[in-house]
C-alpha atoms as a PDB file:
ATOM      1  CA  MET A   1      -0.648 -10.765   2.219  1.00  0.00           C
ATOM      2  CA  PRO A   2       1.735 -10.818  -0.772  1.00  0.00           C
ATOM      3  CA  LEU A   3       4.712  -8.449  -0.760  1.00  0.00           C
ATOM      4  CA  ILE A   4       3.658  -6.857  -4.050  1.00  0.00           C
ATOM      5  CA  GLY A   5       0.247  -5.940  -5.388  1.00  0.00           C
ATOM      6  CA  THR A   6      -1.213  -3.717  -8.067  1.00  0.00           C
ATOM      7  CA  GLY A   7      -2.359  -0.226  -7.118  1.00  0.00           C
ATOM      8  CA  THR A   8      -5.268   1.699  -8.625  1.00  0.00           C
ATOM      9  CA  TRP A   9      -5.057   5.203  -7.129  1.00  0.00           C
ATOM     10  CA  GLN A  10      -6.009   7.963  -9.626  1.00  0.00           C
ATOM     11  CA  TYR A  11      -7.483   5.434 -12.079  1.00  0.00           C
ATOM     12  CA  ASP A  12     -11.102   5.682 -13.138  1.00  0.00           C
ATOM     13  CA  SER A  13     -13.110   2.456 -13.360  1.00  0.00           C
ATOM     14  CA  THR A  14     -12.250   1.882 -17.020  1.00  0.00           C
ATOM     15  CA  THR A  15      -8.503   2.222 -16.486  1.00  0.00           C
ATOM     16  CA  ALA A  16      -8.647   0.266 -13.230  1.00  0.00           C
ATOM     17  CA  TYR A  17     -10.416  -2.584 -15.030  1.00  0.00           C
ATOM     18  CA  ASP A  18      -7.762  -2.700 -17.737  1.00  0.00           C
ATOM     19  CA  SER A  19      -4.860  -2.427 -15.290  1.00  0.00           C
ATOM     20  CA  VAL A  20      -6.145  -5.074 -12.877  1.00  0.00           C
ATOM     21  CA  CYS A  21      -6.974  -7.515 -15.677  1.00  0.00           C
ATOM     22  CA  GLN A  22      -3.455  -7.147 -17.051  1.00  0.00           C
ATOM     23  CA  ALA A  23      -1.991  -7.600 -13.569  1.00  0.00           C
ATOM     24  CA  PHE A  24      -3.972 -10.819 -13.071  1.00  0.00           C
ATOM     25  CA  GLY A  25      -2.713 -12.020 -16.452  1.00  0.00           C
ATOM     26  CA  ALA A  26       0.843 -11.369 -15.309  1.00  0.00           C
ATOM     27  CA  GLY A  27       0.336 -13.425 -12.152  1.00  0.00           C
ATOM     28  CA  TYR A  28      -0.548 -10.826  -9.522  1.00  0.00           C
ATOM     29  CA  ASN A  29      -2.924 -11.915  -6.752  1.00  0.00           C
ATOM     30  CA  PHE A  30      -3.184  -8.709  -4.719  1.00  0.00           C
ATOM     31  CA  VAL A  31      -5.144  -5.567  -5.661  1.00  0.00           C
ATOM     32  CA  ASP A  32      -5.482  -2.324  -3.699  1.00  0.00           C
ATOM     33  CA  THR A  33      -8.404   0.070  -4.083  1.00  0.00           C
ATOM     34  CA  ALA A  34     -10.557   2.384  -1.930  1.00  0.00           C
ATOM     35  CA  TYR A  35     -14.007   3.904  -1.687  1.00  0.00           C
ATOM     36  CA  GLY A  36     -12.400   7.297  -2.265  1.00  0.00           C
ATOM     37  CA  TYR A  37     -10.748   6.199  -5.512  1.00  0.00           C
ATOM     38  CA  LYS A  38     -14.195   5.922  -7.154  1.00  0.00           C
ATOM     39  CA  ASN A  39     -13.028   2.964  -9.234  1.00  0.00           C
ATOM     40  CA  GLN A  40     -14.226  -0.038  -7.257  1.00  0.00           C
ATOM     41  CA  GLN A  41     -16.829  -0.976  -9.849  1.00  0.00           C
ATOM     42  CA  GLY A  42     -14.049  -1.332 -12.413  1.00  0.00           C
ATOM     43  CA  VAL A  43     -11.929  -3.342  -9.976  1.00  0.00           C
ATOM     44  CA  GLY A  44     -14.936  -5.535  -9.215  1.00  0.00           C
ATOM     45  CA  ARG A  45     -15.572  -6.199 -12.910  1.00  0.00           C
ATOM     46  CA  ALA A  46     -11.912  -7.107 -13.353  1.00  0.00           C
ATOM     47  CA  ILE A  47     -12.180  -9.627 -10.527  1.00  0.00           C
ATOM     48  CA  GLN A  48     -15.302 -11.155 -12.067  1.00  0.00           C
ATOM     49  CA  ASP A  49     -13.957 -11.240 -15.631  1.00  0.00           C
ATOM     50  CA  CYS A  50     -10.221 -11.752 -15.288  1.00  0.00           C
ATOM     51  CA  TRP A  51      -9.408 -13.525 -12.030  1.00  0.00           C
ATOM     52  CA  LYS A  52      -9.170 -17.218 -12.932  1.00  0.00           C
ATOM     53  CA  GLY A  53      -8.113 -18.648  -9.594  1.00  0.00           C
ATOM     54  CA  ASN A  54      -9.964 -19.433  -6.389  1.00  0.00           C
ATOM     55  CA  ARG A  55     -11.301 -16.480  -4.422  1.00  0.00           C
ATOM     56  CA  THR A  56      -9.238 -17.601  -1.434  1.00  0.00           C
ATOM     57  CA  ASP A  57      -6.049 -17.084  -3.482  1.00  0.00           C
ATOM     58  CA  LEU A  58      -6.866 -13.418  -4.212  1.00  0.00           C
ATOM     59  CA  PHE A  59      -6.091 -10.636  -1.724  1.00  0.00           C
ATOM     60  CA  VAL A  60      -8.413  -7.630  -2.079  1.00  0.00           C
ATOM     61  CA  MET A  61      -7.612  -4.533  -0.032  1.00  0.00           C
ATOM     62  CA  THR A  62      -9.930  -1.543   0.172  1.00  0.00           C
ATOM     63  CA  LYS A  63     -10.567   1.454   2.416  1.00  0.00           C
ATOM     64  CA  ILE A  64     -13.302   3.577   3.921  1.00  0.00           C
ATOM     65  CA  PRO A  65     -12.775   7.284   4.626  1.00  0.00           C
ATOM     66  CA  GLY A  66     -11.700   8.534   8.024  1.00  0.00           C
ATOM     67  CA  GLY A  67     -13.907  10.748  10.145  1.00  0.00           C
ATOM     68  CA  LEU A  68     -16.895   8.379  10.142  1.00  0.00           C
ATOM     69  CA  ASN A  69     -19.173   7.394  12.991  1.00  0.00           C
ATOM     70  CA  SER A  70     -20.256   3.791  13.556  1.00  0.00           C
ATOM     71  CA  SER A  71     -23.292   3.793  11.282  1.00  0.00           C
ATOM     72  CA  GLN A  72     -21.422   5.575   8.476  1.00  0.00           C
ATOM     73  CA  THR A  73     -18.606   3.045   8.757  1.00  0.00           C
ATOM     74  CA  GLN A  74     -21.026   0.158   8.289  1.00  0.00           C
ATOM     75  CA  GLU A  75     -22.820   1.928   5.443  1.00  0.00           C
ATOM     76  CA  LEU A  76     -19.683   2.610   3.412  1.00  0.00           C
ATOM     77  CA  HIS A  77     -18.340  -0.879   4.051  1.00  0.00           C
ATOM     78  CA  GLU A  78     -21.547  -2.305   2.590  1.00  0.00           C
ATOM     79  CA  ARG A  79     -21.218   0.053  -0.360  1.00  0.00           C
ATOM     80  CA  ASN A  80     -17.649  -1.174  -0.907  1.00  0.00           C
ATOM     81  CA  LEU A  81     -18.818  -4.775  -1.062  1.00  0.00           C
ATOM     82  CA  GLU A  82     -21.611  -3.836  -3.465  1.00  0.00           C
ATOM     83  CA  GLU A  83     -19.288  -1.938  -5.800  1.00  0.00           C
ATOM     84  CA  LEU A  84     -16.706  -4.738  -5.743  1.00  0.00           C
ATOM     85  CA  GLY A  85     -19.312  -7.464  -6.120  1.00  0.00           C
ATOM     86  CA  LEU A  86     -17.796  -9.406  -3.222  1.00  0.00           C
ATOM     87  CA  ASP A  87     -19.080 -11.064  -0.071  1.00  0.00           C
ATOM     88  CA  TYR A  88     -15.948 -10.098   1.846  1.00  0.00           C
ATOM     89  CA  VAL A  89     -12.663  -8.275   1.462  1.00  0.00           C
ATOM     90  CA  ASP A  90      -9.323  -9.547   2.655  1.00  0.00           C
ATOM     91  CA  HIS A  91      -8.359  -6.234   4.198  1.00  0.00           C
ATOM     92  CA  LEU A  92     -10.386  -3.160   5.123  1.00  0.00           C
ATOM     93  CA  MET A  93      -8.634  -0.069   6.388  1.00  0.00           C
ATOM     94  CA  ILE A  94      -9.492   3.415   7.576  1.00  0.00           C
ATOM     95  CA  HIS A  95      -8.037   5.670   4.900  1.00  0.00           C
ATOM     96  CA  TYR A  96      -7.068   8.681   7.032  1.00  0.00           C
ATOM     97  CA  PRO A  97      -6.999   9.655  10.746  1.00  0.00           C
ATOM     98  CA  SER A  98      -9.786  12.222  10.208  1.00  0.00           C
ATOM     99  CA  ASP A  99     -12.011  13.319   7.371  1.00  0.00           C
ATOM    100  CA  TRP A 100     -10.007  14.676   4.434  1.00  0.00           C
ATOM    101  CA  TYR A 101     -10.439  18.247   5.715  1.00  0.00           C
ATOM    102  CA  GLY A 102      -9.245  17.583   9.279  1.00  0.00           C
ATOM    103  CA  LYS A 103     -12.554  18.763  10.735  1.00  0.00           C
ATOM    104  CA  THR A 104     -14.058  15.491  12.002  1.00  0.00           C
ATOM    105  CA  THR A 105     -11.205  14.219  14.100  1.00  0.00           C
ATOM    106  CA  GLY A 106      -9.899  13.490  17.569  1.00  0.00           C
ATOM    107  CA  ALA A 107      -9.133  10.439  19.670  1.00  0.00           C
ATOM    108  CA  LYS A 108     -12.779   9.638  20.420  1.00  0.00           C
ATOM    109  CA  GLN A 109     -13.707   9.795  16.742  1.00  0.00           C
ATOM    110  CA  ARG A 110     -10.844   7.495  15.749  1.00  0.00           C
ATOM    111  CA  GLN A 111     -11.799   5.084  18.513  1.00  0.00           C
ATOM    112  CA  GLU A 112     -15.450   4.958  17.454  1.00  0.00           C
ATOM    113  CA  GLU A 113     -14.560   4.254  13.852  1.00  0.00           C
ATOM    114  CA  TRP A 114     -12.018   1.614  14.833  1.00  0.00           C
ATOM    115  CA  LEU A 115     -14.499  -0.230  17.044  1.00  0.00           C
ATOM    116  CA  ALA A 116     -16.982  -0.170  14.154  1.00  0.00           C
ATOM    117  CA  LEU A 117     -14.277  -1.752  11.980  1.00  0.00           C
ATOM    118  CA  GLU A 118     -13.784  -4.440  14.625  1.00  0.00           C
ATOM    119  CA  ALA A 119     -17.518  -5.193  14.458  1.00  0.00           C
ATOM    120  CA  ILE A 120     -17.219  -5.685  10.674  1.00  0.00           C
ATOM    121  CA  TYR A 121     -14.212  -7.944  11.191  1.00  0.00           C
ATOM    122  CA  LYS A 122     -16.201 -10.125  13.568  1.00  0.00           C
ATOM    123  CA  THR A 123     -18.838 -10.727  10.866  1.00  0.00           C
ATOM    124  CA  GLY A 124     -16.190 -12.175   8.542  1.00  0.00           C
ATOM    125  CA  GLU A 125     -16.840  -9.539   5.884  1.00  0.00           C
ATOM    126  CA  ALA A 126     -13.310  -8.166   6.388  1.00  0.00           C
ATOM    127  CA  ARG A 127     -10.698 -10.843   7.054  1.00  0.00           C
ATOM    128  CA  THR A 128      -8.200  -8.300   8.409  1.00  0.00           C
ATOM    129  CA  ILE A 129      -8.507  -4.614   9.336  1.00  0.00           C
ATOM    130  CA  GLY A 130      -6.056  -1.741   9.443  1.00  0.00           C
ATOM    131  CA  ILE A 131      -5.262   1.935   9.048  1.00  0.00           C
ATOM    132  CA  SER A 132      -3.585   4.328   6.615  1.00  0.00           C
ATOM    133  CA  HIS A 133      -1.744   7.635   7.023  1.00  0.00           C
ATOM    134  CA  TYR A 134      -1.678   7.030  10.798  1.00  0.00           C
ATOM    135  CA  CYS A 135       1.141   8.495  12.884  1.00  0.00           C
ATOM    136  CA  SER A 136       2.234   7.151  16.265  1.00  0.00           C
ATOM    137  CA  ARG A 137      -0.248   9.311  18.148  1.00  0.00           C
ATOM    138  CA  HIS A 138      -3.136   8.144  15.996  1.00  0.00           C
ATOM    139  CA  ILE A 139      -2.115   4.517  16.467  1.00  0.00           C
ATOM    140  CA  LEU A 140      -2.125   5.006  20.226  1.00  0.00           C
ATOM    141  CA  ASP A 141      -5.641   6.443  20.076  1.00  0.00           C
ATOM    142  CA  VAL A 142      -6.853   3.246  18.440  1.00  0.00           C
ATOM    143  CA  LEU A 143      -4.849   0.846  20.594  1.00  0.00           C
ATOM    144  CA  TRP A 144      -6.277   2.382  23.751  1.00  0.00           C
ATOM    145  CA  VAL A 145      -9.661   0.788  22.996  1.00  0.00           C
ATOM    146  CA  ALA A 146      -8.791  -1.916  20.488  1.00  0.00           C
ATOM    147  CA  THR A 147      -9.479  -5.575  21.103  1.00  0.00           C
ATOM    148  CA  ILE A 148      -7.987  -6.321  17.672  1.00  0.00           C
ATOM    149  CA  THR A 149      -4.640  -4.770  16.764  1.00  0.00           C
ATOM    150  CA  PRO A 150      -4.519  -3.141  13.314  1.00  0.00           C
ATOM    151  CA  ALA A 151      -2.908  -5.573  10.901  1.00  0.00           C
ATOM    152  CA  ILE A 152      -1.472  -2.903   8.571  1.00  0.00           C
ATOM    153  CA  ASN A 153      -0.599   0.786   8.508  1.00  0.00           C
ATOM    154  CA  GLN A 154      -0.219   2.058   4.928  1.00  0.00           C
ATOM    155  CA  VAL A 155       2.025   5.139   4.734  1.00  0.00           C
ATOM    156  CA  GLU A 156       3.984   6.969   2.034  1.00  0.00           C
ATOM    157  CA  TYR A 157       7.414   5.350   1.933  1.00  0.00           C
ATOM    158  CA  HIS A 158      10.099   5.250  -0.745  1.00  0.00           C
ATOM    159  CA  ILE A 159      13.769   5.973  -1.292  1.00  0.00           C
ATOM    160  CA  GLY A 160      14.367   9.494   0.011  1.00  0.00           C
ATOM    161  CA  SER A 161      11.298   9.651   2.252  1.00  0.00           C
ATOM    162  CA  GLN A 162      13.075   8.364   5.345  1.00  0.00           C
ATOM    163  CA  ASP A 163      10.582   7.546   8.120  1.00  0.00           C
ATOM    164  CA  ILE A 164       8.751  10.783   7.388  1.00  0.00           C
ATOM    165  CA  ASP A 165       6.151  10.390  10.112  1.00  0.00           C
ATOM    166  CA  SER A 166       8.396   8.559  12.633  1.00  0.00           C
ATOM    167  CA  VAL A 167       5.984   5.638  12.675  1.00  0.00           C
ATOM    168  CA  ILE A 168       7.953   2.560  11.581  1.00  0.00           C
ATOM    169  CA  GLU A 169       9.244   1.814  15.078  1.00  0.00           C
ATOM    170  CA  THR A 170       5.785   2.204  16.585  1.00  0.00           C
ATOM    171  CA  CYS A 171       4.340  -0.239  14.043  1.00  0.00           C
ATOM    172  CA  SER A 172       7.098  -2.702  14.857  1.00  0.00           C
ATOM    173  CA  ASP A 173       6.556  -2.335  18.614  1.00  0.00           C
ATOM    174  CA  PHE A 174       2.884  -3.247  18.318  1.00  0.00           C
ATOM    175  CA  GLY A 175       3.153  -5.925  15.625  1.00  0.00           C
ATOM    176  CA  ILE A 176       1.558  -3.797  12.891  1.00  0.00           C
ATOM    177  CA  THR A 177       2.766  -4.408   9.329  1.00  0.00           C
ATOM    178  CA  PHE A 178       4.172  -1.177   7.913  1.00  0.00           C
ATOM    179  CA  MET A 179       3.149  -0.919   4.241  1.00  0.00           C
ATOM    180  CA  SER A 180       4.316   1.483   1.552  1.00  0.00           C
ATOM    181  CA  PHE A 181       2.148   3.495  -0.790  1.00  0.00           C
ATOM    182  CA  SER A 182       3.629   5.623  -3.586  1.00  0.00           C
ATOM    183  CA  PRO A 183       6.808   3.462  -3.638  1.00  0.00           C
ATOM    184  CA  LEU A 184       8.033   5.305  -6.741  1.00  0.00           C
ATOM    185  CA  CYS A 185       7.127   8.684  -5.264  1.00  0.00           C
ATOM    186  CA  GLY A 186       4.118   9.215  -7.504  1.00  0.00           C
ATOM    187  CA  PRO A 187       2.863  12.385  -5.753  1.00  0.00           C
ATOM    188  CA  CYS A 188       6.316  13.932  -5.335  1.00  0.00           C
ATOM    189  CA  THR A 189       7.837  16.999  -6.915  1.00  0.00           C
ATOM    190  CA  TYR A 190      11.530  16.453  -7.619  1.00  0.00           C
ATOM    191  CA  ALA A 191      14.369  17.227  -9.990  1.00  0.00           C
ATOM    192  CA  PRO A 192      14.654  14.753 -12.907  1.00  0.00           C
ATOM    193  CA  ASN A 193      17.963  13.388 -11.612  1.00  0.00           C
ATOM    194  CA  ASP A 194      16.223  12.357  -8.356  1.00  0.00           C
ATOM    195  CA  SER A 195      13.563  10.266 -10.132  1.00  0.00           C
ATOM    196  CA  LEU A 196      13.033   6.768  -8.742  1.00  0.00           C
ATOM    197  CA  VAL A 197      12.367   5.484 -12.247  1.00  0.00           C
ATOM    198  CA  ASN A 198      15.371   6.752 -14.192  1.00  0.00           C
ATOM    199  CA  GLY A 199      17.202   9.147 -11.859  1.00  0.00           C
ATOM    200  CA  ASP A 200      20.957   9.150 -11.329  1.00  0.00           C
ATOM    201  CA  LEU A 201      21.210   7.123  -8.114  1.00  0.00           C
ATOM    202  CA  VAL A 202      18.825   4.278  -8.933  1.00  0.00           C
ATOM    203  CA  THR A 203      20.165   4.013 -12.491  1.00  0.00           C
ATOM    204  CA  GLU A 204      23.777   3.861 -11.276  1.00  0.00           C
ATOM    205  CA  ILE A 205      22.945   1.068  -8.836  1.00  0.00           C
ATOM    206  CA  ALA A 206      20.765  -0.784 -11.366  1.00  0.00           C
ATOM    207  CA  LYS A 207      23.698  -1.075 -13.786  1.00  0.00           C
ATOM    208  CA  GLN A 208      25.501  -3.257 -11.248  1.00  0.00           C
ATOM    209  CA  TYR A 209      22.839  -5.995 -11.269  1.00  0.00           C
ATOM    210  CA  LYS A 210      21.331  -8.544 -13.636  1.00  0.00           C
ATOM    211  CA  HIS A 211      18.175 -10.612 -13.341  1.00  0.00           C
ATOM    212  CA  ASN A 212      18.975 -14.213 -12.553  1.00  0.00           C
ATOM    213  CA  THR A 213      15.814 -16.289 -13.090  1.00  0.00           C
ATOM    214  CA  THR A 214      14.836 -18.427 -16.038  1.00  0.00           C
ATOM    215  CA  ARG A 215      11.956 -16.133 -16.888  1.00  0.00           C
ATOM    216  CA  SER A 216      14.152 -13.050 -16.892  1.00  0.00           C
ATOM    217  CA  SER A 217      16.807 -14.684 -19.078  1.00  0.00           C
ATOM    218  CA  ARG A 218      14.309 -15.262 -21.908  1.00  0.00           C
ATOM    219  CA  THR A 219      13.997 -12.603 -24.579  1.00  0.00           C
ATOM    220  CA  SER A 220      10.201 -12.383 -24.567  1.00  0.00           C
ATOM    221  CA  THR A 221       7.014 -13.686 -23.000  1.00  0.00           C
ATOM    222  CA  ASP A 222       3.474 -13.939 -24.317  1.00  0.00           C
ATOM    223  CA  ILE A 223       0.603 -12.942 -22.018  1.00  0.00           C
ATOM    224  CA  GLY A 224      -2.798 -12.906 -23.625  1.00  0.00           C
ATOM    225  CA  ASN A 225      -2.405 -11.093 -26.925  1.00  0.00           C
ATOM    226  CA  THR A 226       0.686  -9.200 -25.779  1.00  0.00           C
ATOM    227  CA  THR A 227       4.308 -10.111 -26.473  1.00  0.00           C
ATOM    228  CA  ILE A 228       6.706  -8.470 -24.032  1.00  0.00           C
ATOM    229  CA  GLU A 229      10.375  -8.134 -24.929  1.00  0.00           C
ATOM    230  CA  PHE A 230      12.904  -7.897 -22.094  1.00  0.00           C
ATOM    231  CA  ASP A 231      16.501  -8.652 -21.221  1.00  0.00           C
ATOM    232  CA  ASP A 232      18.381  -9.314 -18.006  1.00  0.00           C
ATOM    233  CA  SER A 233      19.046  -5.638 -17.238  1.00  0.00           C
ATOM    234  CA  VAL A 234      17.766  -4.228 -13.955  1.00  0.00           C
ATOM    235  CA  THR A 235      15.982  -0.860 -14.106  1.00  0.00           C
ATOM    236  CA  GLY A 236      15.982   2.087 -11.746  1.00  0.00           C
ATOM    237  CA  SER A 237      12.368   1.538 -10.771  1.00  0.00           C
ATOM    238  CA  GLN A 238      13.133  -2.092  -9.934  1.00  0.00           C
ATOM    239  CA  VAL A 239      15.912  -0.937  -7.615  1.00  0.00           C
ATOM    240  CA  ALA A 240      13.488   1.471  -5.918  1.00  0.00           C
ATOM    241  CA  LEU A 241      10.902  -1.273  -5.365  1.00  0.00           C
ATOM    242  CA  ALA A 242      13.469  -3.880  -4.316  1.00  0.00           C
ATOM    243  CA  TYR A 243      14.826  -1.498  -1.676  1.00  0.00           C
ATOM    244  CA  ILE A 244      11.421  -1.545   0.011  1.00  0.00           C
ATOM    245  CA  VAL A 245      10.507  -5.230  -0.263  1.00  0.00           C
ATOM    246  CA  GLN A 246      13.954  -6.318   0.948  1.00  0.00           C
ATOM    247  CA  GLN A 247      12.963  -4.663   4.220  1.00  0.00           C
ATOM    248  CA  GLY A 248       9.864  -6.873   4.309  1.00  0.00           C
ATOM    249  CA  ILE A 249       7.611  -3.919   3.479  1.00  0.00           C
ATOM    250  CA  PRO A 250       4.741  -4.607   1.010  1.00  0.00           C
ATOM    251  CA  VAL A 251       4.367  -2.327  -2.021  1.00  0.00           C
ATOM    252  CA  ILE A 252       1.564  -1.529  -4.470  1.00  0.00           C
ATOM    253  CA  PRO A 253       3.022   0.067  -7.610  1.00  0.00           C
ATOM    254  CA  LYS A 254       0.523   0.791 -10.343  1.00  0.00           C
ATOM    255  CA  SER A 255       0.629   0.693 -14.123  1.00  0.00           C
ATOM    256  CA  ASN A 256      -1.737   0.061 -17.007  1.00  0.00           C
ATOM    257  CA  LYS A 257       1.085  -1.043 -19.319  1.00  0.00           C
ATOM    258  CA  MET A 258       1.873  -4.744 -19.334  1.00  0.00           C
ATOM    259  CA  ALA A 259       5.618  -4.231 -19.737  1.00  0.00           C
ATOM    260  CA  HIS A 260       5.732  -2.137 -16.546  1.00  0.00           C
ATOM    261  CA  ILE A 261       3.425  -4.518 -14.682  1.00  0.00           C
ATOM    262  CA  ILE A 262       5.784  -7.415 -15.426  1.00  0.00           C
ATOM    263  CA  SER A 263       8.853  -5.292 -14.682  1.00  0.00           C
ATOM    264  CA  ASN A 264       7.495  -4.409 -11.251  1.00  0.00           C
ATOM    265  CA  GLN A 265       7.106  -8.109 -10.517  1.00  0.00           C
ATOM    266  CA  GLN A 266      10.718  -8.913 -11.418  1.00  0.00           C
ATOM    267  CA  ILE A 267      12.122  -7.281  -8.290  1.00  0.00           C
ATOM    268  CA  PHE A 268      12.553 -10.709  -6.734  1.00  0.00           C
ATOM    269  CA  ASP A 269      15.035 -11.731  -9.451  1.00  0.00           C
ATOM    270  CA  PHE A 270      17.999  -9.956  -7.853  1.00  0.00           C
ATOM    271  CA  VAL A 271      19.141  -8.912  -4.365  1.00  0.00           C
ATOM    272  CA  LEU A 272      20.567  -5.516  -3.469  1.00  0.00           C
ATOM    273  CA  SER A 273      23.779  -5.636  -1.457  1.00  0.00           C
ATOM    274  CA  ASP A 274      23.959  -4.368   2.119  1.00  0.00           C
ATOM    275  CA  GLU A 275      26.159  -1.536   0.867  1.00  0.00           C
ATOM    276  CA  HIS A 276      23.584  -0.411  -1.682  1.00  0.00           C
ATOM    277  CA  MET A 277      20.730  -0.790   0.796  1.00  0.00           C
ATOM    278  CA  GLU A 278      22.558   1.479   3.234  1.00  0.00           C
ATOM    279  CA  ARG A 279      23.333   4.018   0.526  1.00  0.00           C
ATOM    280  CA  LEU A 280      19.692   4.142  -0.529  1.00  0.00           C
ATOM    281  CA  LYS A 281      18.628   4.418   3.106  1.00  0.00           C
ATOM    282  CA  ARG A 282      20.781   7.521   3.630  1.00  0.00           C
ATOM    283  CA  THR A 283      19.502   9.503   0.667  1.00  0.00           C
ATOM    284  CA  THR A 284      16.937  12.230   1.337  1.00  0.00           C
ATOM    285  CA  LYS A 285      15.700  12.811  -2.220  1.00  0.00           C
ATOM    286  CA  PRO A 286      13.035  12.669  -3.438  1.00  0.00           C
ATOM    287  CA  SER A 287      11.545  13.696  -0.120  1.00  0.00           C
ATOM    288  CA  ALA A 288       8.077  12.735   1.104  1.00  0.00           C
ATOM    289  CA  SER A 289       5.355  15.186   2.063  1.00  0.00           C
ATOM    290  CA  PRO A 290       4.713  15.385   5.810  1.00  0.00           C
ATOM    291  CA  GLY A 291       1.394  16.635   7.062  1.00  0.00           C
ATOM    292  CA  ASP A 292      -0.762  13.704   8.156  1.00  0.00           C
ATOM    293  CA  CYS A 293       0.624  14.067  11.678  1.00  0.00           C
ATOM    294  CA  ASP A 294      -0.878  17.542  11.843  1.00  0.00           C
ATOM    295  CA  VAL A 295      -4.165  15.758  12.549  1.00  0.00           C
ATOM    296  CA  VAL A 296      -3.396  15.682  16.276  1.00  0.00           C
ATOM    297  CA  VAL A 297      -6.572  16.660  18.092  1.00  0.00           C
ATOM    298  CA  PHE A 298      -6.522  14.556  21.249  1.00  0.00           C
ATOM    299  CA  ASP A 299      -9.512  14.323  23.506  1.00  0.00           C
ATOM    300  CA  ALA A 300      -8.031  12.405  26.389  1.00  0.00           C
ATOM    301  CA  ILE A 301      -4.797  10.685  25.415  1.00  0.00           C
ATOM    302  CA  ASP A 302      -1.372  12.237  25.501  1.00  0.00           C
ATOM    303  CA  VAL A 303       1.572  11.063  23.384  1.00  0.00           C
ATOM    304  CA  ALA A 304       3.486  10.254  26.575  1.00  0.00           C
ATOM    305  CA  THR A 305       1.217   7.258  27.057  1.00  0.00           C
ATOM    306  CA  ILE A 306       2.815   5.509  24.089  1.00  0.00           C
ATOM    307  CA  GLU A 307       5.430   4.033  26.376  1.00  0.00           C
ATOM    308  CA  GLU A 308       2.808   3.116  28.942  1.00  0.00           C
ATOM    309  CA  LYS A 309       0.769   1.325  26.295  1.00  0.00           C
ATOM    310  CA  LYS A 310       3.847  -0.569  25.086  1.00  0.00           C
ATOM    311  CA  ASN A 311       4.238  -2.066  28.548  1.00  0.00           C
ATOM    312  CA  TYR A 312       0.559  -2.585  29.255  1.00  0.00           C
END
């Protein structure tokens, strides 16, 4: 899986189509969507119309809702494939540790849905499978019955969020890739000076860096019918994204403007110093929104068994 992809959350199919086509034109080969985004038809059209490479070189990630039983899991997976116009996806994840209302939940429910995901994996229609919004307790629920370890856990993570759900260590312990969503704190409420795009801290650090690749040193680039002007200056949003990927954590920023799509990709043109990484690590603003760990209805498994499972 690439370290950076293009996100589509909150886009309708028309905007998703435009955004994904532009991202492909800029060289992206990783797109993230979900059944719940209601834009997979647009993403699918973008793949058909705008992806010019081999299918094996494209990484498509999608999700099914949480709170499903086995038959519902299979049904929505098939609907995903139909909407995307694909024979398989590269990654399929459970979007949430319960239904969105926290009513259909519990260890047994999570285990049933996970085992249904494993069955899909074994058909080859999902090349990898994973989870999203899962806290340590939810991960343990799944691992208790899993024959296939989740490949990815996608969680809100950005400068200021810290390890909001105390899950990074658990992912590391079990070999699960921890992945960031909302890397620029899209859903956050914060003071303007705490912005991860042009706030005080990221802007101050950005001024101390320059891009150092041939592409970044040019004054413009032509992609399709669009000419993008840029210089070697690093931006605040690039600092925010670089902070995450330098930890080996994949990100999926979104934009439907070509200049921003290219800018997001230029985070590999400079390297933040250890001092700046530590400074960014310590900050607590903008904060993340806890709450997913409130979905803690356990039928049979207690959190104390985390350590037992580690040594199993």
